[in-house]
PDB file of all heavy atoms in Angstrom:
ATOM      1  N   ARG A   1       7.276  -0.914  -9.684  1.00  0.00           N
ATOM      2  CA  ARG A   1       6.800  -1.153  -8.319  1.00  0.00           C
ATOM      3  C   ARG A   1       5.620  -2.129  -8.325  1.00  0.00           C
ATOM      4  O   ARG A   1       5.544  -3.034  -7.493  1.00  0.00           O
ATOM      5  CB  ARG A   1       6.386   0.176  -7.684  1.00  0.00           C
ATOM      6  CG  ARG A   1       6.225   0.106  -6.177  1.00  0.00           C
ATOM      7  CD  ARG A   1       5.968   1.468  -5.596  1.00  0.00           C
ATOM      8  NE  ARG A   1       5.818   1.409  -4.150  1.00  0.00           N
ATOM      9  CZ  ARG A   1       5.366   2.416  -3.408  1.00  0.00           C
ATOM     10  NH1 ARG A   1       5.041   3.559  -3.977  1.00  0.00           N
ATOM     11  NH2 ARG A   1       5.244   2.279  -2.106  1.00  0.00           N
ATOM     12  N   VAL A   2       4.714  -1.959  -9.281  1.00  0.00           N
ATOM     13  CA  VAL A   2       3.591  -2.879  -9.404  1.00  0.00           C
ATOM     14  C   VAL A   2       4.091  -4.287  -9.709  1.00  0.00           C
ATOM     15  O   VAL A   2       3.597  -5.278  -9.145  1.00  0.00           O
ATOM     16  CB  VAL A   2       2.619  -2.399 -10.504  1.00  0.00           C
ATOM     17  CG1 VAL A   2       1.572  -3.474 -10.810  1.00  0.00           C
ATOM     18  CG2 VAL A   2       1.925  -1.108 -10.084  1.00  0.00           C
ATOM     19  N   LEU A   3       5.080  -4.394 -10.568  1.00  0.00           N
ATOM     20  CA  LEU A   3       5.631  -5.697 -10.918  1.00  0.00           C
ATOM     21  C   LEU A   3       6.235  -6.387  -9.698  1.00  0.00           C
ATOM     22  O   LEU A   3       6.075  -7.605  -9.525  1.00  0.00           O
ATOM     23  CB  LEU A   3       6.689  -5.535 -12.016  1.00  0.00           C
ATOM     24  CG  LEU A   3       7.327  -6.820 -12.556  1.00  0.00           C
ATOM     25  CD1 LEU A   3       6.282  -7.793 -13.057  1.00  0.00           C
ATOM     26  CD2 LEU A   3       8.324  -6.479 -13.656  1.00  0.00           C
ATOM     27  N   GLU A   4       6.932  -5.638  -8.859  1.00  0.00           N
ATOM     28  CA  GLU A   4       7.463  -6.205  -7.617  1.00  0.00           C
ATOM     29  C   GLU A   4       6.335  -6.766  -6.760  1.00  0.00           C
ATOM     30  O   GLU A   4       6.460  -7.830  -6.157  1.00  0.00           O
ATOM     31  CB  GLU A   4       8.233  -5.145  -6.833  1.00  0.00           C
ATOM     32  CG  GLU A   4       9.665  -4.940  -7.271  1.00  0.00           C
ATOM     33  CD  GLU A   4      10.550  -6.124  -6.926  1.00  0.00           C
ATOM     34  OE1 GLU A   4      10.157  -6.934  -6.049  1.00  0.00           O
ATOM     35  OE2 GLU A   4      11.613  -6.251  -7.538  1.00  0.00           O
ATOM     36  N   MET A   5       5.232  -6.038  -6.691  1.00  0.00           N
ATOM     37  CA  MET A   5       4.097  -6.486  -5.875  1.00  0.00           C
ATOM     38  C   MET A   5       3.436  -7.719  -6.471  1.00  0.00           C
ATOM     39  O   MET A   5       2.985  -8.611  -5.740  1.00  0.00           O
ATOM     40  CB  MET A   5       3.091  -5.343  -5.723  1.00  0.00           C
ATOM     41  CG  MET A   5       3.627  -4.187  -4.901  1.00  0.00           C
ATOM     42  SD  MET A   5       2.445  -2.831  -4.749  1.00  0.00           S
ATOM     43  CE  MET A   5       3.354  -1.736  -3.643  1.00  0.00           C
ATOM     44  N   LEU A   6       3.384  -7.782  -7.806  1.00  0.00           N
ATOM     45  CA  LEU A   6       2.867  -8.990  -8.460  1.00  0.00           C
ATOM     46  C   LEU A   6       3.724 -10.191  -8.079  1.00  0.00           C
ATOM     47  O   LEU A   6       3.207 -11.278  -7.808  1.00  0.00           O
ATOM     48  CB  LEU A   6       2.862  -8.814  -9.978  1.00  0.00           C
ATOM     49  CG  LEU A   6       1.869  -7.833 -10.591  1.00  0.00           C
ATOM     50  CD1 LEU A   6       2.072  -7.767 -12.099  1.00  0.00           C
ATOM     51  CD2 LEU A   6       0.434  -8.228 -10.260  1.00  0.00           C
ATOM     52  N   LYS A   7       5.028  -9.987  -8.066  1.00  0.00           N
ATOM     53  CA  LYS A   7       5.933 -11.083  -7.738  1.00  0.00           C
ATOM     54  C   LYS A   7       5.753 -11.535  -6.287  1.00  0.00           C
ATOM     55  O   LYS A   7       5.973 -12.693  -5.955  1.00  0.00           O
ATOM     56  CB  LYS A   7       7.382 -10.662  -7.979  1.00  0.00           C
ATOM     57  CG  LYS A   7       8.354 -11.841  -8.009  1.00  0.00           C
ATOM     58  CD  LYS A   7       9.726 -11.402  -8.478  1.00  0.00           C
ATOM     59  CE  LYS A   7      10.618 -12.629  -8.701  1.00  0.00           C
ATOM     60  NZ  LYS A   7      10.809 -13.420  -7.499  1.00  0.00           N
ATOM     61  N   ARG A   8       5.341 -10.603  -5.428  1.00  0.00           N
ATOM     62  CA  ARG A   8       5.082 -10.950  -4.030  1.00  0.00           C
ATOM     63  C   ARG A   8       3.739 -11.649  -3.861  1.00  0.00           C
ATOM     64  O   ARG A   8       3.393 -12.079  -2.762  1.00  0.00           O
ATOM     65  CB  ARG A   8       5.110  -9.683  -3.171  1.00  0.00           C
ATOM     66  CG  ARG A   8       6.517  -9.160  -2.902  1.00  0.00           C
ATOM     67  CD  ARG A   8       6.504  -7.711  -2.425  1.00  0.00           C
ATOM     68  NE  ARG A   8       5.488  -7.445  -1.424  1.00  0.00           N
ATOM     69  CZ  ARG A   8       5.079  -6.212  -1.094  1.00  0.00           C
ATOM     70  NH1 ARG A   8       5.599  -5.158  -1.701  1.00  0.00           N
ATOM     71  NH2 ARG A   8       4.167  -6.054  -0.171  1.00  0.00           N
ATOM     72  N   GLY A   9       2.955 -11.754  -4.940  1.00  0.00           N
ATOM     73  CA  GLY A   9       1.674 -12.448  -4.882  1.00  0.00           C
ATOM     74  C   GLY A   9       0.490 -11.575  -4.538  1.00  0.00           C
ATOM     75  O   GLY A   9      -0.605 -12.089  -4.273  1.00  0.00           O
ATOM     76  N   LEU A  10       0.663 -10.245  -4.557  1.00  0.00           N
ATOM     77  CA  LEU A  10      -0.436  -9.348  -4.219  1.00  0.00           C
ATOM     78  C   LEU A  10      -1.445  -9.281  -5.362  1.00  0.00           C
ATOM     79  O   LEU A  10      -1.078  -9.310  -6.531  1.00  0.00           O
ATOM     80  CB  LEU A  10       0.087  -7.940  -3.911  1.00  0.00           C
ATOM     81  CG  LEU A  10       0.513  -7.666  -2.468  1.00  0.00           C
ATOM     82  CD1 LEU A  10       1.677  -8.542  -2.059  1.00  0.00           C
ATOM     83  CD2 LEU A  10       0.873  -6.189  -2.286  1.00  0.00           C
ATOM     84  N   GLN A  11      -2.709  -9.177  -4.992  1.00  0.00           N
ATOM     85  CA  GLN A  11      -3.780  -9.015  -5.970  1.00  0.00           C
ATOM     86  C   GLN A  11      -4.011  -7.529  -6.245  1.00  0.00           C
ATOM     87  O   GLN A  11      -3.493  -6.659  -5.527  1.00  0.00           O
ATOM     88  CB  GLN A  11      -5.065  -9.668  -5.453  1.00  0.00           C
ATOM     89  CG  GLN A  11      -4.933 -11.167  -5.222  1.00  0.00           C
ATOM     90  CD  GLN A  11      -4.526 -11.912  -6.491  1.00  0.00           C
ATOM     91  OE1 GLN A  11      -5.129 -11.717  -7.549  1.00  0.00           O
ATOM     92  NE2 GLN A  11      -3.506 -12.753  -6.398  1.00  0.00           N
ATOM     93  N   ASN A  12      -4.793  -7.240  -7.289  1.00  0.00           N
ATOM     94  CA  ASN A  12      -4.997  -5.840  -7.688  1.00  0.00           C
ATOM     95  C   ASN A  12      -5.509  -4.966  -6.555  1.00  0.00           C
ATOM     96  O   ASN A  12      -5.070  -3.825  -6.386  1.00  0.00           O
ATOM     97  CB  ASN A  12      -5.986  -5.772  -8.861  1.00  0.00           C
ATOM     98  CG  ASN A  12      -5.376  -6.297 -10.148  1.00  0.00           C
ATOM     99  OD1 ASN A  12      -4.185  -6.601 -10.206  1.00  0.00           O
ATOM    100  ND2 ASN A  12      -6.185  -6.400 -11.196  1.00  0.00           N
ATOM    101  N   LYS A  13      -6.452  -5.516  -5.758  1.00  0.00           N
ATOM    102  CA  LYS A  13      -7.020  -4.729  -4.661  1.00  0.00           C
ATOM    103  C   LYS A  13      -5.955  -4.369  -3.632  1.00  0.00           C
ATOM    104  O   LYS A  13      -5.912  -3.237  -3.126  1.00  0.00           O
ATOM    105  CB  LYS A  13      -8.149  -5.523  -3.998  1.00  0.00           C
ATOM    106  CG  LYS A  13      -8.898  -4.768  -2.911  1.00  0.00           C
ATOM    107  CD  LYS A  13     -10.076  -5.580  -2.388  1.00  0.00           C
ATOM    108  CE  LYS A  13     -10.853  -4.788  -1.349  1.00  0.00           C
ATOM    109  NZ  LYS A  13     -12.020  -5.564  -0.835  1.00  0.00           N
ATOM    110  N   GLN A  14      -5.070  -5.321  -3.325  1.00  0.00           N
ATOM    111  CA  GLN A  14      -3.997  -5.064  -2.363  1.00  0.00           C
ATOM    112  C   GLN A  14      -2.986  -4.064  -2.912  1.00  0.00           C
ATOM    113  O   GLN A  14      -2.508  -3.189  -2.179  1.00  0.00           O
ATOM    114  CB  GLN A  14      -3.296  -6.377  -2.010  1.00  0.00           C
ATOM    115  CG  GLN A  14      -4.190  -7.386  -1.302  1.00  0.00           C
ATOM    116  CD  GLN A  14      -3.552  -8.761  -1.243  1.00  0.00           C
ATOM    117  OE1 GLN A  14      -3.247  -9.362  -2.271  1.00  0.00           O
ATOM    118  NE2 GLN A  14      -3.335  -9.253  -0.029  1.00  0.00           N
ATOM    119  N   ILE A  15      -2.660  -4.183  -4.196  1.00  0.00           N
ATOM    120  CA  ILE A  15      -1.721  -3.249  -4.821  1.00  0.00           C
ATOM    121  C   ILE A  15      -2.301  -1.838  -4.808  1.00  0.00           C
ATOM    122  O   ILE A  15      -1.606  -0.859  -4.496  1.00  0.00           O
ATOM    123  CB  ILE A  15      -1.399  -3.689  -6.264  1.00  0.00           C
ATOM    124  CG1 ILE A  15      -0.657  -5.025  -6.256  1.00  0.00           C
ATOM    125  CG2 ILE A  15      -0.569  -2.627  -6.984  1.00  0.00           C
ATOM    126  CD1 ILE A  15      -0.468  -5.640  -7.631  1.00  0.00           C
ATOM    127  N   ALA A  16      -3.582  -1.745  -5.142  1.00  0.00           N
ATOM    128  CA  ALA A  16      -4.246  -0.435  -5.153  1.00  0.00           C
ATOM    129  C   ALA A  16      -4.200   0.205  -3.767  1.00  0.00           C
ATOM    130  O   ALA A  16      -3.946   1.414  -3.632  1.00  0.00           O
ATOM    131  CB  ALA A  16      -5.692  -0.592  -5.617  1.00  0.00           C
ATOM    132  N   TYR A  17      -4.413  -0.613  -2.729  1.00  0.00           N
ATOM    133  CA  TYR A  17      -4.391  -0.098  -1.350  1.00  0.00           C
ATOM    134  C   TYR A  17      -2.998   0.410  -0.980  1.00  0.00           C
ATOM    135  O   TYR A  17      -2.856   1.501  -0.425  1.00  0.00           O
ATOM    136  CB  TYR A  17      -4.834  -1.202  -0.392  1.00  0.00           C
ATOM    137  CG  TYR A  17      -4.785  -0.784   1.067  1.00  0.00           C
ATOM    138  CD1 TYR A  17      -5.802  -0.003   1.614  1.00  0.00           C
ATOM    139  CD2 TYR A  17      -3.726  -1.164   1.878  1.00  0.00           C
ATOM    140  CE1 TYR A  17      -5.761   0.389   2.949  1.00  0.00           C
ATOM    141  CE2 TYR A  17      -3.665  -0.782   3.207  1.00  0.00           C
ATOM    142  CZ  TYR A  17      -4.681  -0.004   3.738  1.00  0.00           C
ATOM    143  OH  TYR A  17      -4.632   0.389   5.049  1.00  0.00           O
ATOM    144  N   GLU A  18      -1.969  -0.374  -1.297  1.00  0.00           N
ATOM    145  CA  GLU A  18      -0.604   0.007  -0.931  1.00  0.00           C
ATOM    146  C   GLU A  18      -0.137   1.249  -1.678  1.00  0.00           C
ATOM    147  O   GLU A  18       0.575   2.090  -1.123  1.00  0.00           O
ATOM    148  CB  GLU A  18       0.368  -1.151  -1.189  1.00  0.00           C
ATOM    149  CG  GLU A  18       0.269  -2.275  -0.179  1.00  0.00           C
ATOM    150  CD  GLU A  18       1.570  -3.054  -0.054  1.00  0.00           C
ATOM    151  OE1 GLU A  18       2.640  -2.530  -0.417  1.00  0.00           O
ATOM    152  OE2 GLU A  18       1.505  -4.202   0.435  1.00  0.00           O
ATOM    153  N   LEU A  19      -0.510   1.357  -2.943  1.00  0.00           N
ATOM    154  CA  LEU A  19      -0.056   2.485  -3.760  1.00  0.00           C
ATOM    155  C   LEU A  19      -1.013   3.674  -3.720  1.00  0.00           C
ATOM    156  O   LEU A  19      -0.724   4.719  -4.311  1.00  0.00           O
ATOM    157  CB  LEU A  19       0.147   2.036  -5.207  1.00  0.00           C
ATOM    158  CG  LEU A  19       1.212   0.964  -5.444  1.00  0.00           C
ATOM    159  CD1 LEU A  19       1.335   0.659  -6.936  1.00  0.00           C
ATOM    160  CD2 LEU A  19       2.559   1.414  -4.889  1.00  0.00           C
ATOM    161  N   LYS A  20      -2.163   3.483  -3.047  1.00  0.00           N
ATOM    162  CA  LYS A  20      -3.164   4.544  -2.935  1.00  0.00           C
ATOM    163  C   LYS A  20      -3.646   5.005  -4.318  1.00  0.00           C
ATOM    164  O   LYS A  20      -3.718   6.207  -4.608  1.00  0.00           O
ATOM    165  CB  LYS A  20      -2.610   5.732  -2.134  1.00  0.00           C
ATOM    166  CG  LYS A  20      -2.285   5.382  -0.691  1.00  0.00           C
ATOM    167  CD  LYS A  20      -1.722   6.582   0.062  1.00  0.00           C
ATOM    168  CE  LYS A  20      -1.536   6.270   1.532  1.00  0.00           C
ATOM    169  NZ  LYS A  20      -0.623   5.143   1.786  1.00  0.00           N
ATOM    170  N   ILE A  21      -3.926   4.017  -5.170  1.00  0.00           N
ATOM    171  CA  ILE A  21      -4.480   4.286  -6.487  1.00  0.00           C
ATOM    172  C   ILE A  21      -5.695   3.384  -6.680  1.00  0.00           C
ATOM    173  O   ILE A  21      -5.957   2.498  -5.868  1.00  0.00           O
ATOM    174  CB  ILE A  21      -3.448   4.020  -7.616  1.00  0.00           C
ATOM    175  CG1 ILE A  21      -2.923   2.574  -7.549  1.00  0.00           C
ATOM    176  CG2 ILE A  21      -2.292   5.014  -7.528  1.00  0.00           C
ATOM    177  CD1 ILE A  21      -1.930   2.236  -8.645  1.00  0.00           C
ATOM    178  N   SER A  22      -6.449   3.590  -7.756  1.00  0.00           N
ATOM    179  CA  SER A  22      -7.654   2.782  -7.986  1.00  0.00           C
ATOM    180  C   SER A  22      -7.289   1.429  -8.586  1.00  0.00           C
ATOM    181  O   SER A  22      -6.220   1.263  -9.185  1.00  0.00           O
ATOM    182  CB  SER A  22      -8.602   3.523  -8.929  1.00  0.00           C
ATOM    183  OG  SER A  22      -8.053   3.576 -10.235  1.00  0.00           O
ATOM    184  N   GLU A  23      -8.194   0.481  -8.426  1.00  0.00           N
ATOM    185  CA  GLU A  23      -7.978  -0.837  -9.026  1.00  0.00           C
ATOM    186  C   GLU A  23      -7.932  -0.740 -10.549  1.00  0.00           C
ATOM    187  O   GLU A  23      -7.203  -1.495 -11.207  1.00  0.00           O
ATOM    188  CB  GLU A  23      -9.082  -1.806  -8.589  1.00  0.00           C
ATOM    189  CG  GLU A  23      -8.928  -2.326  -7.170  1.00  0.00           C
ATOM    190  CD  GLU A  23      -9.907  -3.448  -6.867  1.00  0.00           C
ATOM    191  OE1 GLU A  23      -9.818  -4.496  -7.546  1.00  0.00           O
ATOM    192  OE2 GLU A  23     -10.747  -3.268  -5.967  1.00  0.00           O
ATOM    193  N   THR A  24      -8.698   0.189 -11.099  1.00  0.00           N
ATOM    194  CA  THR A  24      -8.674   0.383 -12.556  1.00  0.00           C
ATOM    195  C   THR A  24      -7.288   0.800 -13.022  1.00  0.00           C
ATOM    196  O   THR A  24      -6.788   0.303 -14.042  1.00  0.00           O
ATOM    197  CB  THR A  24      -9.703   1.452 -12.970  1.00  0.00           C
ATOM    198  OG1 THR A  24     -11.006   1.042 -12.559  1.00  0.00           O
ATOM    199  CG2 THR A  24      -9.676   1.671 -14.474  1.00  0.00           C
ATOM    200  N   THR A  25      -6.653   1.689 -12.267  1.00  0.00           N
ATOM    201  CA  THR A  25      -5.301   2.123 -12.615  1.00  0.00           C
ATOM    202  C   THR A  25      -4.323   0.960 -12.509  1.00  0.00           C
ATOM    203  O   THR A  25      -3.427   0.815 -13.345  1.00  0.00           O
ATOM    204  CB  THR A  25      -4.847   3.273 -11.689  1.00  0.00           C
ATOM    205  OG1 THR A  25      -5.766   4.371 -11.811  1.00  0.00           O
ATOM    206  CG2 THR A  25      -3.449   3.751 -12.048  1.00  0.00           C
ATOM    207  N   VAL A  26      -4.498   0.123 -11.489  1.00  0.00           N
ATOM    208  CA  VAL A  26      -3.636  -1.058 -11.344  1.00  0.00           C
ATOM    209  C   VAL A  26      -3.787  -1.963 -12.565  1.00  0.00           C
ATOM    210  O   VAL A  26      -2.795  -2.451 -13.114  1.00  0.00           O
ATOM    211  CB  VAL A  26      -3.977  -1.840 -10.059  1.00  0.00           C
ATOM    212  CG1 VAL A  26      -3.185  -3.150 -10.015  1.00  0.00           C
ATOM    213  CG2 VAL A  26      -3.686  -1.006  -8.829  1.00  0.00           C
ATOM    214  N   LYS A  27      -5.029  -2.170 -13.014  1.00  0.00           N
ATOM    215  CA  LYS A  27      -5.272  -3.028 -14.176  1.00  0.00           C
ATOM    216  C   LYS A  27      -4.584  -2.471 -15.419  1.00  0.00           C
ATOM    217  O   LYS A  27      -4.040  -3.225 -16.238  1.00  0.00           O
ATOM    218  CB  LYS A  27      -6.770  -3.171 -14.421  1.00  0.00           C
ATOM    219  CG  LYS A  27      -7.500  -3.993 -13.367  1.00  0.00           C
ATOM    220  CD  LYS A  27      -8.997  -4.053 -13.643  1.00  0.00           C
ATOM    221  CE  LYS A  27      -9.727  -4.848 -12.561  1.00  0.00           C
ATOM    222  NZ  LYS A  27     -11.203  -4.876 -12.779  1.00  0.00           N
ATOM    223  N   VAL A  28      -4.602  -1.146 -15.564  1.00  0.00           N
ATOM    224  CA  VAL A  28      -3.925  -0.517 -16.707  1.00  0.00           C
ATOM    225  C   VAL A  28      -2.421  -0.766 -16.620  1.00  0.00           C
ATOM    226  O   VAL A  28      -1.774  -1.110 -17.621  1.00  0.00           O
ATOM    227  CB  VAL A  28      -4.221   1.003 -16.746  1.00  0.00           C
ATOM    228  CG1 VAL A  28      -3.345   1.685 -17.804  1.00  0.00           C
ATOM    229  CG2 VAL A  28      -5.693   1.247 -17.045  1.00  0.00           C
ATOM    230  N   HIS A  29      -1.861  -0.603 -15.411  1.00  0.00           N
ATOM    231  CA  HIS A  29      -0.432  -0.855 -15.220  1.00  0.00           C
ATOM    232  C   HIS A  29      -0.084  -2.302 -15.552  1.00  0.00           C
ATOM    233  O   HIS A  29       0.914  -2.575 -16.226  1.00  0.00           O
ATOM    234  CB  HIS A  29      -0.025  -0.552 -13.776  1.00  0.00           C
ATOM    235  CG  HIS A  29       0.135   0.907 -13.477  1.00  0.00           C
ATOM    236  ND1 HIS A  29       0.741   1.782 -14.348  1.00  0.00           N
ATOM    237  CD2 HIS A  29      -0.201   1.643 -12.378  1.00  0.00           C
ATOM    238  CE1 HIS A  29       0.751   2.996 -13.822  1.00  0.00           C
ATOM    239  NE2 HIS A  29       0.189   2.938 -12.622  1.00  0.00           N
ATOM    240  N   VAL A  30      -0.895  -3.229 -15.062  1.00  0.00           N
ATOM    241  CA  VAL A  30      -0.618  -4.649 -15.307  1.00  0.00           C
ATOM    242  C   VAL A  30      -0.665  -4.949 -16.802  1.00  0.00           C
ATOM    243  O   VAL A  30       0.195  -5.667 -17.335  1.00  0.00           O
ATOM    244  CB  VAL A  30      -1.619  -5.544 -14.542  1.00  0.00           C
ATOM    245  CG1 VAL A  30      -1.453  -7.005 -14.956  1.00  0.00           C
ATOM    246  CG2 VAL A  30      -1.417  -5.401 -13.039  1.00  0.00           C
ATOM    247  N   SER A  31      -1.643  -4.403 -17.502  1.00  0.00           N
ATOM    248  CA  SER A  31      -1.737  -4.621 -18.948  1.00  0.00           C
ATOM    249  C   SER A  31      -0.505  -4.091 -19.666  1.00  0.00           C
ATOM    250  O   SER A  31       0.046  -4.744 -20.570  1.00  0.00           O
ATOM    251  CB  SER A  31      -2.992  -3.937 -19.507  1.00  0.00           C
ATOM    252  OG  SER A  31      -4.163  -4.529 -18.985  1.00  0.00           O
ATOM    253  N   ASP A  32      -0.057  -2.898 -19.262  1.00  0.00           N
ATOM    254  CA  ASP A  32       1.138  -2.310 -19.881  1.00  0.00           C
ATOM    255  C   ASP A  32       2.385  -3.140 -19.572  1.00  0.00           C
ATOM    256  O   ASP A  32       3.268  -3.305 -20.427  1.00  0.00           O
ATOM    257  CB  ASP A  32       1.340  -0.873 -19.391  1.00  0.00           C
ATOM    258  CG  ASP A  32       0.364   0.106 -20.034  1.00  0.00           C
ATOM    259  OD1 ASP A  32      -0.223  -0.255 -21.075  1.00  0.00           O
ATOM    260  OD2 ASP A  32       0.188   1.210 -19.500  1.00  0.00           O
ATOM    261  N   ILE A  33       2.464  -3.660 -18.343  1.00  0.00           N
ATOM    262  CA  ILE A  33       3.605  -4.493 -17.953  1.00  0.00           C
ATOM    263  C   ILE A  33       3.668  -5.746 -18.817  1.00  0.00           C
ATOM    264  O   ILE A  33       4.733  -6.102 -19.345  1.00  0.00           O
ATOM    265  CB  ILE A  33       3.509  -4.872 -16.459  1.00  0.00           C
ATOM    266  CG1 ILE A  33       3.774  -3.641 -15.577  1.00  0.00           C
ATOM    267  CG2 ILE A  33       4.497  -5.991 -16.111  1.00  0.00           C
ATOM    268  CD1 ILE A  33       3.419  -3.852 -14.118  1.00  0.00           C
ATOM    269  N   LEU A  34       2.542  -6.413 -18.967  1.00  0.00           N
ATOM    270  CA  LEU A  34       2.497  -7.643 -19.771  1.00  0.00           C
ATOM    271  C   LEU A  34       2.899  -7.353 -21.224  1.00  0.00           C
ATOM    272  O   LEU A  34       3.645  -8.115 -21.837  1.00  0.00           O
ATOM    273  CB  LEU A  34       1.116  -8.266 -19.719  1.00  0.00           C
ATOM    274  CG  LEU A  34       0.590  -8.687 -18.339  1.00  0.00           C
ATOM    275  CD1 LEU A  34      -0.764  -9.378 -18.474  1.00  0.00           C
ATOM    276  CD2 LEU A  34       1.571  -9.587 -17.619  1.00  0.00           C
ATOM    277  N   ARG A  35       2.418  -6.233 -21.749  1.00  0.00           N
ATOM    278  CA  ARG A  35       2.733  -5.873 -23.134  1.00  0.00           C
ATOM    279  C   ARG A  35       4.231  -5.598 -23.301  1.00  0.00           C
ATOM    280  O   ARG A  35       4.865  -6.087 -24.240  1.00  0.00           O
ATOM    281  CB  ARG A  35       1.917  -4.641 -23.551  1.00  0.00           C
ATOM    282  CG  ARG A  35       2.251  -4.115 -24.943  1.00  0.00           C
ATOM    283  CD  ARG A  35       1.339  -2.945 -25.312  1.00  0.00           C
ATOM    284  NE  ARG A  35       1.388  -1.875 -24.331  1.00  0.00           N
ATOM    285  CZ  ARG A  35       2.350  -0.949 -24.304  1.00  0.00           C
ATOM    286  NH1 ARG A  35       3.344  -0.983 -25.188  1.00  0.00           N
ATOM    287  NH2 ARG A  35       2.323   0.010 -23.399  1.00  0.00           N
ATOM    288  N   LYS A  36       4.812  -4.839 -22.363  1.00  0.00           N
ATOM    289  CA  LYS A  36       6.221  -4.471 -22.476  1.00  0.00           C
ATOM    290  C   LYS A  36       7.160  -5.649 -22.218  1.00  0.00           C
ATOM    291  O   LYS A  36       8.277  -5.686 -22.737  1.00  0.00           O
ATOM    292  CB  LYS A  36       6.537  -3.322 -21.515  1.00  0.00           C
ATOM    293  CG  LYS A  36       5.888  -2.000 -21.912  1.00  0.00           C
ATOM    294  CD  LYS A  36       6.186  -0.901 -20.912  1.00  0.00           C
ATOM    295  CE  LYS A  36       5.539   0.419 -21.331  1.00  0.00           C
ATOM    296  NZ  LYS A  36       5.815   1.513 -20.354  1.00  0.00           N
TER     297      LYS A  36
END
């Protein structure tokens, strides 16, 4: 879901707002996505 939002051009703050999670959690997700 985070990857879909990245593709839509959303920034971490916007992703955090939509998913109701912290920006720190978004950063962890993004790091894991890039690694995988």
